Amino acid sequence: MTDSKTEQSGPRGEPLRRRVLDAAEHLLRQGKAGFSMRELATQAGVSFATPFNQFGSKAAIMHALSKRRIDTMASRFTAAPALRDTRSRVLLAIDIAVAVMIEEPEVNRAVMSWVGTEGPGQVLAHSTTLWTLALGDGEGLIEVLREEALRCLPRQLAFVFRGVLSFWTAGELADDALAANAREAGQTLLLGFAGASGEYG
């Protein structure tokens, strides 16, 4: 872990980790998915050692960019109009997650292509947190199954959404097919736990 003095160095006290991640996103937007750590350091305006000191590897940087996207999904879901029914909440979360990915498809495909590589191992945990948020308190789920659903569904939704994204990343799903396939996968997973259709979509 870096100390706060190291972390806060740079223009206007901007944390080094943020500068490195911003630079990585900039390079990805230029179509430079194969950027080197030296290119990254130059783009960020930091020493060659800084990306290594802050993250350890390019894979870890890409995993951190994945976390950024999940954080954006969660913050947008939290800011959206509140829904009570669990099925509706999950469908809304799926639509928001897809929208985040489609905003910059080439950048996000590049990020996703690294998520399957060895890294710090936190992508599943972050994604599970997002789907836990989406499930809420389980309103609308079959009562006797609610506890089991809230225990297992966040992780299973993380697996399912990641699976759909992997086919999109590989080019087997077009941008305009991502939402429908992600929704169908999510709804199929909920079939055994959900009651009547909810208020969203």
N, C-alpha and C. Protein backbone atom coordinates (compact mmCIF):
# COMPACT_ATOMS: atom_id res chain seq x y z
N MET A 1 0.85 -1.20 0.00
CA MET A 1 0.00 0.00 0.00
C MET A 1 0.88 1.24 0.00
N THR A 2 0.50 2.24 -0.83
CA THR A 2 1.29 3.46 -0.88
C THR A 2 0.87 4.39 0.23
N ASP A 3 1.82 5.21 0.69
CA ASP A 3 1.44 6.16 1.73
C ASP A 3 0.75 7.35 1.08
N SER A 4 0.07 8.16 1.90
CA SER A 4 -0.75 9.23 1.36
C SER A 4 0.09 10.29 0.67
N LYS A 5 1.32 10.50 1.15
CA LYS A 5 2.18 11.51 0.53
C LYS A 5 2.52 11.11 -0.90
N THR A 6 2.90 9.84 -1.09
CA THR A 6 3.21 9.36 -2.43
C THR A 6 1.97 9.40 -3.30
N GLU A 7 0.84 8.94 -2.77
CA GLU A 7 -0.39 8.84 -3.52
C GLU A 7 -0.90 10.19 -3.97
N GLN A 8 -0.64 11.24 -3.18
CA GLN A 8 -1.21 12.55 -3.47
C GLN A 8 -0.28 13.46 -4.26
N SER A 9 0.89 12.95 -4.70
CA SER A 9 1.78 13.83 -5.45
C SER A 9 1.22 14.07 -6.84
N GLY A 10 1.68 15.15 -7.50
CA GLY A 10 1.21 15.45 -8.85
C GLY A 10 0.43 16.76 -8.86
N PRO A 11 0.01 17.20 -10.07
CA PRO A 11 -0.69 18.48 -10.21
C PRO A 11 -1.94 18.54 -9.33
N ARG A 12 -2.06 19.61 -8.60
CA ARG A 12 -3.23 19.87 -7.75
C ARG A 12 -3.54 18.71 -6.80
N GLY A 13 -2.52 17.95 -6.42
CA GLY A 13 -2.73 16.87 -5.47
C GLY A 13 -3.45 15.67 -6.04
N GLU A 14 -3.56 15.56 -7.38
CA GLU A 14 -4.25 14.42 -7.99
C GLU A 14 -3.51 13.13 -7.67
N PRO A 15 -4.19 12.12 -7.20
CA PRO A 15 -3.51 10.86 -6.85
C PRO A 15 -2.81 10.25 -8.07
N LEU A 16 -1.66 9.67 -7.83
CA LEU A 16 -0.91 9.05 -8.91
C LEU A 16 -1.68 7.92 -9.58
N ARG A 17 -2.37 7.12 -8.78
CA ARG A 17 -3.11 6.00 -9.37
C ARG A 17 -4.15 6.49 -10.38
N ARG A 18 -4.83 7.57 -10.04
CA ARG A 18 -5.82 8.12 -10.96
C ARG A 18 -5.16 8.63 -12.23
N ARG A 19 -4.02 9.28 -12.09
CA ARG A 19 -3.31 9.78 -13.28
C ARG A 19 -2.93 8.64 -14.20
N VAL A 20 -2.44 7.55 -13.63
CA VAL A 20 -2.05 6.41 -14.45
C VAL A 20 -3.27 5.80 -15.14
N LEU A 21 -4.36 5.65 -14.42
CA LEU A 21 -5.57 5.08 -15.02
C LEU A 21 -6.14 5.99 -16.10
N ASP A 22 -6.15 7.29 -15.85
CA ASP A 22 -6.62 8.24 -16.86
C ASP A 22 -5.77 8.14 -18.12
N ALA A 23 -4.46 8.02 -17.94
CA ALA A 23 -3.56 7.90 -19.08
C ALA A 23 -3.81 6.61 -19.85
N ALA A 24 -4.05 5.52 -19.13
CA ALA A 24 -4.34 4.24 -19.79
C ALA A 24 -5.62 4.35 -20.62
N GLU A 25 -6.64 4.99 -20.08
CA GLU A 25 -7.87 5.17 -20.83
C GLU A 25 -7.64 6.02 -22.08
N HIS A 26 -6.82 7.05 -21.94
CA HIS A 26 -6.52 7.92 -23.09
C HIS A 26 -5.85 7.11 -24.20
N LEU A 27 -4.89 6.27 -23.85
CA LEU A 27 -4.21 5.45 -24.84
C LEU A 27 -5.18 4.46 -25.49
N LEU A 28 -6.06 3.88 -24.71
CA LEU A 28 -7.05 2.95 -25.27
C LEU A 28 -7.99 3.67 -26.23
N ARG A 29 -8.36 4.90 -25.92
CA ARG A 29 -9.22 5.67 -26.82
C ARG A 29 -8.53 5.99 -28.14
N GLN A 30 -7.20 5.99 -28.13
CA GLN A 30 -6.43 6.22 -29.35
C GLN A 30 -6.19 4.92 -30.11
N GLY A 31 -6.78 3.83 -29.63
CA GLY A 31 -6.61 2.54 -30.29
C GLY A 31 -5.31 1.84 -29.95
N LYS A 32 -4.67 2.26 -28.86
CA LYS A 32 -3.38 1.69 -28.48
C LYS A 32 -3.54 0.67 -27.34
N ALA A 33 -4.30 -0.40 -27.61
CA ALA A 33 -4.51 -1.41 -26.58
C ALA A 33 -3.21 -2.11 -26.19
N GLY A 34 -2.26 -2.11 -27.11
CA GLY A 34 -0.97 -2.76 -26.82
C GLY A 34 0.06 -1.82 -26.24
N PHE A 35 -0.38 -0.75 -25.61
CA PHE A 35 0.57 0.24 -25.09
C PHE A 35 1.55 -0.41 -24.11
N SER A 36 2.77 0.14 -24.12
CA SER A 36 3.78 -0.33 -23.18
C SER A 36 3.69 0.48 -21.89
N MET A 37 4.33 -0.04 -20.84
CA MET A 37 4.34 0.69 -19.58
C MET A 37 5.13 1.99 -19.72
N ARG A 38 6.12 2.01 -20.61
CA ARG A 38 6.85 3.25 -20.84
C ARG A 38 5.96 4.30 -21.51
N GLU A 39 5.17 3.86 -22.51
CA GLU A 39 4.22 4.78 -23.14
C GLU A 39 3.22 5.31 -22.12
N LEU A 40 2.78 4.41 -21.25
CA LEU A 40 1.81 4.79 -20.23
C LEU A 40 2.39 5.84 -19.29
N ALA A 41 3.63 5.61 -18.85
CA ALA A 41 4.27 6.56 -17.95
C ALA A 41 4.43 7.93 -18.61
N THR A 42 4.81 7.93 -19.88
CA THR A 42 4.96 9.18 -20.62
C THR A 42 3.63 9.91 -20.72
N GLN A 43 2.58 9.16 -21.07
CA GLN A 43 1.25 9.76 -21.19
C GLN A 43 0.77 10.34 -19.86
N ALA A 44 1.09 9.65 -18.77
CA ALA A 44 0.66 10.10 -17.44
C ALA A 44 1.54 11.21 -16.89
N GLY A 45 2.72 11.42 -17.51
CA GLY A 45 3.64 12.42 -17.01
C GLY A 45 4.29 12.03 -15.70
N VAL A 46 4.59 10.73 -15.57
CA VAL A 46 5.22 10.21 -14.36
C VAL A 46 6.47 9.43 -14.74
N SER A 47 7.23 9.03 -13.76
CA SER A 47 8.43 8.26 -14.03
C SER A 47 8.05 6.86 -14.53
N PHE A 48 8.99 6.22 -15.22
CA PHE A 48 8.75 4.88 -15.74
C PHE A 48 8.37 3.90 -14.64
N ALA A 49 8.92 4.10 -13.46
CA ALA A 49 8.67 3.17 -12.36
C ALA A 49 7.30 3.35 -11.72
N THR A 50 6.69 4.52 -11.91
CA THR A 50 5.45 4.81 -11.18
C THR A 50 4.32 3.83 -11.45
N PRO A 51 3.98 3.50 -12.72
CA PRO A 51 2.90 2.53 -12.92
C PRO A 51 3.18 1.19 -12.24
N PHE A 52 4.44 0.76 -12.25
CA PHE A 52 4.80 -0.49 -11.56
C PHE A 52 4.64 -0.33 -10.05
N ASN A 53 5.11 0.79 -9.53
CA ASN A 53 5.02 1.01 -8.08
C ASN A 53 3.57 1.08 -7.61
N GLN A 54 2.71 1.68 -8.43
CA GLN A 54 1.32 1.87 -8.04
C GLN A 54 0.45 0.63 -8.26
N PHE A 55 0.76 -0.14 -9.31
CA PHE A 55 -0.12 -1.26 -9.69
C PHE A 55 0.59 -2.62 -9.77
N GLY A 56 1.84 -2.60 -10.17
CA GLY A 56 2.58 -3.86 -10.28
C GLY A 56 2.69 -4.41 -11.67
N SER A 57 1.65 -4.24 -12.50
CA SER A 57 1.67 -4.80 -13.85
C SER A 57 0.60 -4.14 -14.71
N LYS A 58 0.71 -4.34 -16.01
CA LYS A 58 -0.31 -3.82 -16.91
C LYS A 58 -1.64 -4.53 -16.66
N ALA A 59 -1.59 -5.83 -16.38
CA ALA A 59 -2.83 -6.57 -16.09
C ALA A 59 -3.57 -5.94 -14.92
N ALA A 60 -2.84 -5.57 -13.89
CA ALA A 60 -3.47 -4.97 -12.71
C ALA A 60 -4.08 -3.61 -13.06
N ILE A 61 -3.45 -2.87 -13.95
CA ILE A 61 -4.01 -1.60 -14.40
C ILE A 61 -5.32 -1.83 -15.12
N MET A 62 -5.35 -2.83 -15.99
CA MET A 62 -6.58 -3.11 -16.73
C MET A 62 -7.68 -3.62 -15.80
N HIS A 63 -7.31 -4.37 -14.80
CA HIS A 63 -8.29 -4.81 -13.80
C HIS A 63 -8.85 -3.60 -13.04
N ALA A 64 -7.98 -2.63 -12.76
CA ALA A 64 -8.44 -1.42 -12.08
C ALA A 64 -9.39 -0.62 -12.97
N LEU A 65 -9.15 -0.63 -14.28
CA LEU A 65 -10.06 0.04 -15.20
C LEU A 65 -11.41 -0.68 -15.23
N SER A 66 -11.39 -2.01 -15.10
CA SER A 66 -12.65 -2.75 -15.00
C SER A 66 -13.42 -2.33 -13.75
N LYS A 67 -12.70 -2.18 -12.64
CA LYS A 67 -13.35 -1.74 -11.41
C LYS A 67 -13.97 -0.36 -11.59
N ARG A 68 -13.29 0.53 -12.31
CA ARG A 68 -13.85 1.85 -12.59
C ARG A 68 -15.21 1.73 -13.26
N ARG A 69 -15.29 0.82 -14.23
CA ARG A 69 -16.54 0.66 -14.94
C ARG A 69 -17.64 0.12 -14.04
N ILE A 70 -17.30 -0.83 -13.20
CA ILE A 70 -18.28 -1.38 -12.27
C ILE A 70 -18.73 -0.30 -11.28
N ASP A 71 -17.80 0.52 -10.83
CA ASP A 71 -18.15 1.62 -9.92
C ASP A 71 -19.11 2.60 -10.60
N THR A 72 -18.87 2.87 -11.89
CA THR A 72 -19.76 3.75 -12.64
C THR A 72 -21.15 3.14 -12.75
N MET A 73 -21.22 1.85 -13.03
CA MET A 73 -22.51 1.15 -13.09
C MET A 73 -23.26 1.28 -11.76
N ALA A 74 -22.54 1.04 -10.67
CA ALA A 74 -23.18 1.10 -9.35
C ALA A 74 -23.66 2.50 -9.02
N SER A 75 -22.85 3.51 -9.34
CA SER A 75 -23.25 4.88 -9.01
C SER A 75 -24.45 5.31 -9.85
N ARG A 76 -24.50 4.90 -11.10
CA ARG A 76 -25.66 5.24 -11.95
C ARG A 76 -26.91 4.51 -11.47
N PHE A 77 -26.74 3.28 -11.04
CA PHE A 77 -27.90 2.54 -10.53
C PHE A 77 -28.43 3.22 -9.27
N THR A 78 -27.54 3.62 -8.40
CA THR A 78 -27.94 4.29 -7.16
C THR A 78 -28.65 5.61 -7.44
N ALA A 79 -28.24 6.30 -8.50
CA ALA A 79 -28.83 7.59 -8.84
C ALA A 79 -30.14 7.47 -9.60
N ALA A 80 -30.45 6.29 -10.11
CA ALA A 80 -31.67 6.08 -10.90
C ALA A 80 -32.90 6.09 -9.98
N PRO A 81 -34.07 6.34 -10.54
CA PRO A 81 -35.30 6.28 -9.73
C PRO A 81 -35.41 4.93 -9.04
N ALA A 82 -35.80 4.97 -7.78
CA ALA A 82 -35.83 3.75 -6.97
C ALA A 82 -36.94 2.81 -7.43
N LEU A 83 -36.61 1.53 -7.54
CA LEU A 83 -37.57 0.48 -7.84
C LEU A 83 -37.57 -0.50 -6.68
N ARG A 84 -38.73 -1.05 -6.36
CA ARG A 84 -38.81 -2.00 -5.24
C ARG A 84 -38.68 -3.44 -5.70
N ASP A 85 -39.36 -3.79 -6.77
CA ASP A 85 -39.39 -5.17 -7.23
C ASP A 85 -38.01 -5.63 -7.70
N THR A 86 -37.58 -6.78 -7.22
CA THR A 86 -36.22 -7.25 -7.49
C THR A 86 -35.97 -7.51 -8.97
N ARG A 87 -36.93 -8.14 -9.63
CA ARG A 87 -36.75 -8.40 -11.07
C ARG A 87 -36.54 -7.08 -11.81
N SER A 88 -37.32 -6.08 -11.49
CA SER A 88 -37.20 -4.77 -12.13
C SER A 88 -35.85 -4.14 -11.82
N ARG A 89 -35.39 -4.27 -10.59
CA ARG A 89 -34.09 -3.71 -10.20
C ARG A 89 -32.96 -4.37 -10.97
N VAL A 90 -33.02 -5.68 -11.11
CA VAL A 90 -31.96 -6.40 -11.82
C VAL A 90 -31.95 -6.01 -13.30
N LEU A 91 -33.11 -5.92 -13.92
CA LEU A 91 -33.18 -5.52 -15.33
C LEU A 91 -32.65 -4.10 -15.52
N LEU A 92 -32.98 -3.22 -14.59
CA LEU A 92 -32.45 -1.85 -14.66
C LEU A 92 -30.93 -1.86 -14.54
N ALA A 93 -30.40 -2.63 -13.60
CA ALA A 93 -28.95 -2.72 -13.43
C ALA A 93 -28.28 -3.27 -14.69
N ILE A 94 -28.92 -4.26 -15.31
CA ILE A 94 -28.37 -4.82 -16.56
C ILE A 94 -28.34 -3.75 -17.64
N ASP A 95 -29.45 -3.01 -17.79
CA ASP A 95 -29.50 -1.97 -18.82
C ASP A 95 -28.45 -0.89 -18.57
N ILE A 96 -28.25 -0.52 -17.31
CA ILE A 96 -27.23 0.48 -16.97
C ILE A 96 -25.84 -0.07 -17.26
N ALA A 97 -25.59 -1.30 -16.88
CA ALA A 97 -24.28 -1.91 -17.11
C ALA A 97 -23.96 -1.99 -18.60
N VAL A 98 -24.96 -2.38 -19.39
CA VAL A 98 -24.76 -2.45 -20.84
C VAL A 98 -24.49 -1.06 -21.40
N ALA A 99 -25.24 -0.05 -20.93
CA ALA A 99 -25.04 1.31 -21.42
C ALA A 99 -23.62 1.79 -21.16
N VAL A 100 -23.09 1.47 -19.98
CA VAL A 100 -21.71 1.86 -19.66
C VAL A 100 -20.73 1.22 -20.64
N MET A 101 -20.93 -0.04 -20.94
CA MET A 101 -20.02 -0.75 -21.84
C MET A 101 -20.12 -0.23 -23.27
N ILE A 102 -21.33 0.12 -23.70
CA ILE A 102 -21.55 0.55 -25.08
C ILE A 102 -21.08 1.99 -25.32
N GLU A 103 -20.93 2.77 -24.26
CA GLU A 103 -20.49 4.15 -24.42
C GLU A 103 -19.14 4.25 -25.13
N GLU A 104 -18.24 3.34 -24.78
CA GLU A 104 -16.93 3.31 -25.42
C GLU A 104 -16.59 1.85 -25.73
N PRO A 105 -17.23 1.30 -26.75
CA PRO A 105 -17.10 -0.15 -26.97
C PRO A 105 -15.67 -0.63 -27.22
N GLU A 106 -14.89 0.11 -27.98
CA GLU A 106 -13.53 -0.37 -28.27
C GLU A 106 -12.65 -0.33 -27.02
N VAL A 107 -12.80 0.73 -26.25
CA VAL A 107 -12.05 0.82 -24.99
C VAL A 107 -12.46 -0.32 -24.06
N ASN A 108 -13.75 -0.53 -23.94
CA ASN A 108 -14.24 -1.53 -22.99
C ASN A 108 -13.97 -2.96 -23.45
N ARG A 109 -13.96 -3.18 -24.75
CA ARG A 109 -13.53 -4.51 -25.23
C ARG A 109 -12.07 -4.76 -24.87
N ALA A 110 -11.25 -3.73 -25.00
CA ALA A 110 -9.84 -3.87 -24.64
C ALA A 110 -9.68 -4.18 -23.16
N VAL A 111 -10.44 -3.48 -22.33
CA VAL A 111 -10.39 -3.73 -20.89
C VAL A 111 -10.85 -5.15 -20.59
N MET A 112 -11.98 -5.56 -21.18
CA MET A 112 -12.52 -6.89 -20.93
C MET A 112 -11.57 -7.99 -21.37
N SER A 113 -10.81 -7.74 -22.42
CA SER A 113 -9.89 -8.77 -22.90
C SER A 113 -8.79 -9.08 -21.89
N TRP A 114 -8.55 -8.13 -20.96
CA TRP A 114 -7.54 -8.33 -19.93
C TRP A 114 -8.11 -8.93 -18.65
N VAL A 115 -9.43 -8.86 -18.49
CA VAL A 115 -10.03 -9.32 -17.24
C VAL A 115 -9.82 -10.81 -17.03
N GLY A 116 -9.68 -11.55 -18.13
CA GLY A 116 -9.44 -12.99 -18.01
C GLY A 116 -7.99 -13.35 -17.72
N THR A 117 -7.12 -12.35 -17.66
CA THR A 117 -5.72 -12.63 -17.38
C THR A 117 -5.47 -12.57 -15.87
N GLU A 118 -4.35 -13.09 -15.47
CA GLU A 118 -4.01 -13.08 -14.04
C GLU A 118 -3.82 -11.64 -13.58
N GLY A 119 -4.48 -11.32 -12.49
CA GLY A 119 -4.41 -9.98 -11.94
C GLY A 119 -4.62 -10.04 -10.44
N PRO A 120 -5.03 -8.92 -9.85
CA PRO A 120 -5.22 -8.89 -8.40
C PRO A 120 -6.42 -9.68 -7.90
N GLY A 121 -7.27 -10.17 -8.82
CA GLY A 121 -8.34 -11.05 -8.41
C GLY A 121 -9.51 -10.41 -7.72
N GLN A 122 -9.83 -9.14 -8.05
CA GLN A 122 -10.92 -8.44 -7.38
C GLN A 122 -12.12 -8.18 -8.29
N VAL A 123 -12.04 -8.53 -9.57
CA VAL A 123 -13.13 -8.22 -10.49
C VAL A 123 -14.42 -8.92 -10.07
N LEU A 124 -14.32 -10.19 -9.73
CA LEU A 124 -15.51 -10.94 -9.31
C LEU A 124 -16.12 -10.32 -8.06
N ALA A 125 -15.29 -9.95 -7.11
CA ALA A 125 -15.81 -9.34 -5.88
C ALA A 125 -16.52 -8.02 -6.17
N HIS A 126 -15.94 -7.18 -7.03
CA HIS A 126 -16.56 -5.90 -7.37
C HIS A 126 -17.88 -6.13 -8.09
N SER A 127 -17.89 -7.06 -9.03
CA SER A 127 -19.10 -7.33 -9.78
C SER A 127 -20.19 -7.90 -8.87
N THR A 128 -19.81 -8.78 -7.97
CA THR A 128 -20.78 -9.34 -7.03
C THR A 128 -21.41 -8.25 -6.17
N THR A 129 -20.63 -7.26 -5.80
CA THR A 129 -21.15 -6.14 -5.02
C THR A 129 -22.20 -5.37 -5.81
N LEU A 130 -21.94 -5.18 -7.11
CA LEU A 130 -22.91 -4.49 -7.97
C LEU A 130 -24.24 -5.25 -8.00
N TRP A 131 -24.19 -6.55 -8.17
CA TRP A 131 -25.43 -7.32 -8.28
C TRP A 131 -26.12 -7.49 -6.93
N THR A 132 -25.37 -7.43 -5.86
CA THR A 132 -25.99 -7.40 -4.53
C THR A 132 -26.81 -6.12 -4.38
N LEU A 133 -26.24 -5.01 -4.84
CA LEU A 133 -26.95 -3.74 -4.81
C LEU A 133 -28.23 -3.82 -5.65
N ALA A 134 -28.11 -4.43 -6.83
CA ALA A 134 -29.27 -4.53 -7.72
C ALA A 134 -30.39 -5.37 -7.12
N LEU A 135 -30.05 -6.43 -6.42
CA LEU A 135 -31.06 -7.31 -5.85
C LEU A 135 -31.81 -6.67 -4.69
N GLY A 136 -31.19 -5.73 -4.02
CA GLY A 136 -31.85 -5.05 -2.91
C GLY A 136 -32.24 -6.03 -1.81
N ASP A 137 -33.44 -5.88 -1.29
CA ASP A 137 -33.88 -6.75 -0.19
C ASP A 137 -34.66 -7.96 -0.68
N GLY A 138 -34.72 -8.14 -2.01
CA GLY A 138 -35.36 -9.33 -2.55
C GLY A 138 -36.87 -9.23 -2.68
N GLU A 139 -37.41 -8.00 -2.65
CA GLU A 139 -38.87 -7.87 -2.76
C GLU A 139 -39.35 -8.42 -4.10
N GLY A 140 -40.40 -9.22 -4.06
CA GLY A 140 -40.95 -9.83 -5.26
C GLY A 140 -40.43 -11.21 -5.53
N LEU A 141 -39.39 -11.62 -4.80
CA LEU A 141 -38.92 -12.99 -4.92
C LEU A 141 -39.82 -13.91 -4.11
N ILE A 142 -39.85 -15.18 -4.48
CA ILE A 142 -40.65 -16.15 -3.75
C ILE A 142 -40.15 -16.19 -2.31
N GLU A 143 -41.05 -15.96 -1.37
CA GLU A 143 -40.66 -15.72 0.02
C GLU A 143 -39.79 -16.82 0.60
N VAL A 144 -40.17 -18.07 0.40
CA VAL A 144 -39.42 -19.17 1.01
C VAL A 144 -38.04 -19.34 0.37
N LEU A 145 -37.84 -18.72 -0.79
CA LEU A 145 -36.55 -18.83 -1.49
C LEU A 145 -35.71 -17.56 -1.39
N ARG A 146 -36.26 -16.53 -0.73
CA ARG A 146 -35.60 -15.23 -0.75
C ARG A 146 -34.20 -15.27 -0.15
N GLU A 147 -34.05 -15.89 0.99
CA GLU A 147 -32.74 -15.94 1.63
C GLU A 147 -31.71 -16.64 0.75
N GLU A 148 -32.12 -17.76 0.16
CA GLU A 148 -31.22 -18.49 -0.75
C GLU A 148 -30.89 -17.64 -1.97
N ALA A 149 -31.89 -16.95 -2.50
CA ALA A 149 -31.67 -16.11 -3.67
C ALA A 149 -30.66 -15.00 -3.38
N LEU A 150 -30.84 -14.32 -2.26
CA LEU A 150 -29.94 -13.22 -1.92
C LEU A 150 -28.53 -13.72 -1.61
N ARG A 151 -28.42 -14.96 -1.22
CA ARG A 151 -27.10 -15.54 -0.96
C ARG A 151 -26.37 -15.90 -2.25
N CYS A 152 -27.08 -16.50 -3.20
CA CYS A 152 -26.39 -17.04 -4.37
C CYS A 152 -26.49 -16.19 -5.64
N LEU A 153 -27.56 -15.42 -5.78
CA LEU A 153 -27.77 -14.71 -7.04
C LEU A 153 -26.74 -13.63 -7.37
N PRO A 154 -26.22 -12.87 -6.40
CA PRO A 154 -25.24 -11.85 -6.80
C PRO A 154 -24.04 -12.44 -7.55
N ARG A 155 -23.51 -13.51 -7.04
CA ARG A 155 -22.35 -14.14 -7.69
C ARG A 155 -22.75 -14.75 -9.03
N GLN A 156 -23.93 -15.38 -9.09
CA GLN A 156 -24.37 -15.99 -10.33
C GLN A 156 -24.66 -14.93 -11.40
N LEU A 157 -25.22 -13.81 -11.00
CA LEU A 157 -25.43 -12.72 -11.95
C LEU A 157 -24.10 -12.17 -12.46
N ALA A 158 -23.11 -12.12 -11.57
CA ALA A 158 -21.77 -11.69 -12.00
C ALA A 158 -21.22 -12.64 -13.05
N PHE A 159 -21.39 -13.94 -12.82
CA PHE A 159 -20.92 -14.94 -13.80
C PHE A 159 -21.65 -14.78 -15.13
N VAL A 160 -22.97 -14.64 -15.05
CA VAL A 160 -23.79 -14.59 -16.27
C VAL A 160 -23.47 -13.33 -17.08
N PHE A 161 -23.39 -12.17 -16.41
CA PHE A 161 -23.12 -10.94 -17.14
C PHE A 161 -21.72 -10.97 -17.75
N ARG A 162 -20.77 -11.47 -17.00
CA ARG A 162 -19.40 -11.61 -17.52
C ARG A 162 -19.40 -12.54 -18.74
N GLY A 163 -20.19 -13.60 -18.68
CA GLY A 163 -20.24 -14.53 -19.81
C GLY A 163 -20.76 -13.86 -21.07
N VAL A 164 -21.84 -13.10 -20.95
CA VAL A 164 -22.39 -12.39 -22.10
C VAL A 164 -21.36 -11.39 -22.63
N LEU A 165 -20.72 -10.66 -21.72
CA LEU A 165 -19.71 -9.69 -22.14
C LEU A 165 -18.54 -10.35 -22.86
N SER A 166 -18.20 -11.56 -22.47
CA SER A 166 -17.06 -12.24 -23.12
C SER A 166 -17.35 -12.50 -24.60
N PHE A 167 -18.59 -12.85 -24.93
CA PHE A 167 -18.94 -13.06 -26.34
C PHE A 167 -18.99 -11.74 -27.09
N TRP A 168 -19.44 -10.68 -26.41
CA TRP A 168 -19.41 -9.35 -27.02
C TRP A 168 -17.98 -8.90 -27.25
N THR A 169 -17.11 -9.14 -26.27
CA THR A 169 -15.70 -8.76 -26.40
C THR A 169 -15.05 -9.48 -27.58
N ALA A 170 -15.42 -10.74 -27.78
CA ALA A 170 -14.85 -11.54 -28.87
C ALA A 170 -15.45 -11.20 -30.23
N GLY A 171 -16.44 -10.30 -30.25
CA GLY A 171 -17.05 -9.91 -31.51
C GLY A 171 -18.17 -10.82 -31.97
N GLU A 172 -18.58 -11.76 -31.13
CA GLU A 172 -19.66 -12.67 -31.51
C GLU A 172 -21.04 -12.08 -31.22
N LEU A 173 -21.11 -11.04 -30.43
CA LEU A 173 -22.34 -10.30 -30.19
C LEU A 173 -22.12 -8.86 -30.62
N ALA A 174 -23.01 -8.36 -31.46
CA ALA A 174 -22.93 -6.95 -31.88
C ALA A 174 -23.33 -6.04 -30.74
N ASP A 175 -22.93 -4.79 -30.84
CA ASP A 175 -23.29 -3.81 -29.81
C ASP A 175 -24.79 -3.77 -29.58
N ASP A 176 -25.56 -3.78 -30.67
CA ASP A 176 -27.01 -3.66 -30.53
C ASP A 176 -27.69 -4.94 -30.07
N ALA A 177 -26.92 -6.01 -29.92
CA ALA A 177 -27.47 -7.28 -29.41
C ALA A 177 -27.11 -7.53 -27.95
N LEU A 178 -26.24 -6.70 -27.41
CA LEU A 178 -25.74 -6.95 -26.06
C LEU A 178 -26.84 -6.83 -25.02
N ALA A 179 -27.65 -5.77 -25.09
CA ALA A 179 -28.67 -5.56 -24.05
C ALA A 179 -29.69 -6.69 -24.02
N ALA A 180 -30.20 -7.08 -25.18
CA ALA A 180 -31.22 -8.12 -25.23
C ALA A 180 -30.70 -9.44 -24.69
N ASN A 181 -29.47 -9.79 -25.04
CA ASN A 181 -28.90 -11.05 -24.57
C ASN A 181 -28.60 -11.01 -23.08
N ALA A 182 -28.11 -9.86 -22.60
CA ALA A 182 -27.84 -9.73 -21.17
C ALA A 182 -29.13 -9.80 -20.36
N ARG A 183 -30.18 -9.15 -20.86
CA ARG A 183 -31.48 -9.19 -20.18
C ARG A 183 -32.03 -10.62 -20.14
N GLU A 184 -31.95 -11.30 -21.27
CA GLU A 184 -32.48 -12.66 -21.33
C GLU A 184 -31.74 -13.58 -20.36
N ALA A 185 -30.43 -13.42 -20.30
CA ALA A 185 -29.64 -14.24 -19.39
C ALA A 185 -30.01 -13.95 -17.94
N GLY A 186 -30.15 -12.67 -17.61
CA GLY A 186 -30.51 -12.29 -16.24
C GLY A 186 -31.90 -12.78 -15.86
N GLN A 187 -32.85 -12.63 -16.76
CA GLN A 187 -34.21 -13.08 -16.47
C GLN A 187 -34.28 -14.60 -16.32
N THR A 188 -33.52 -15.31 -17.13
CA THR A 188 -33.50 -16.77 -17.02
C THR A 188 -32.98 -17.19 -15.65
N LEU A 189 -31.96 -16.50 -15.18
CA LEU A 189 -31.40 -16.81 -13.87
C LEU A 189 -32.40 -16.56 -12.75
N LEU A 190 -33.23 -15.56 -12.93
CA LEU A 190 -34.22 -15.21 -11.90
C LEU A 190 -35.47 -16.09 -11.93
N LEU A 191 -35.67 -16.84 -12.99
CA LEU A 191 -36.92 -17.60 -13.17
C LEU A 191 -37.30 -18.44 -11.95
N GLY A 192 -36.34 -19.12 -11.37
CA GLY A 192 -36.65 -20.00 -10.26
C GLY A 192 -36.91 -19.30 -8.94
N PHE A 193 -36.65 -18.00 -8.89
CA PHE A 193 -36.78 -17.26 -7.63
C PHE A 193 -37.84 -16.17 -7.64
N ALA A 194 -38.22 -15.70 -8.84
CA ALA A 194 -39.07 -14.52 -8.94
C ALA A 194 -40.54 -14.89 -9.07
N GLY A 195 -41.38 -13.98 -8.57
CA GLY A 195 -42.81 -14.15 -8.72
C GLY A 195 -43.27 -13.50 -10.01
N ALA A 196 -44.35 -12.71 -9.92
CA ALA A 196 -44.92 -12.07 -11.10
C ALA A 196 -43.96 -11.02 -11.67
N SER A 197 -44.17 -10.68 -12.94
CA SER A 197 -43.34 -9.68 -13.58
C SER A 197 -43.39 -8.36 -12.82
N GLY A 198 -42.29 -7.65 -12.83
CA GLY A 198 -42.19 -6.41 -12.08
C GLY A 198 -42.57 -5.19 -12.89
N GLU A 199 -42.19 -4.03 -12.39
CA GLU A 199 -42.64 -2.78 -12.95
C GLU A 199 -41.74 -2.23 -14.06
N TYR A 200 -40.56 -2.81 -14.25
CA TYR A 200 -39.61 -2.26 -15.20
C TYR A 200 -39.44 -3.22 -16.38
N GLY A 201 -39.67 -2.71 -17.54
CA GLY A 201 -39.43 -3.46 -18.78
C GLY A 201 -40.18 -4.73 -18.86
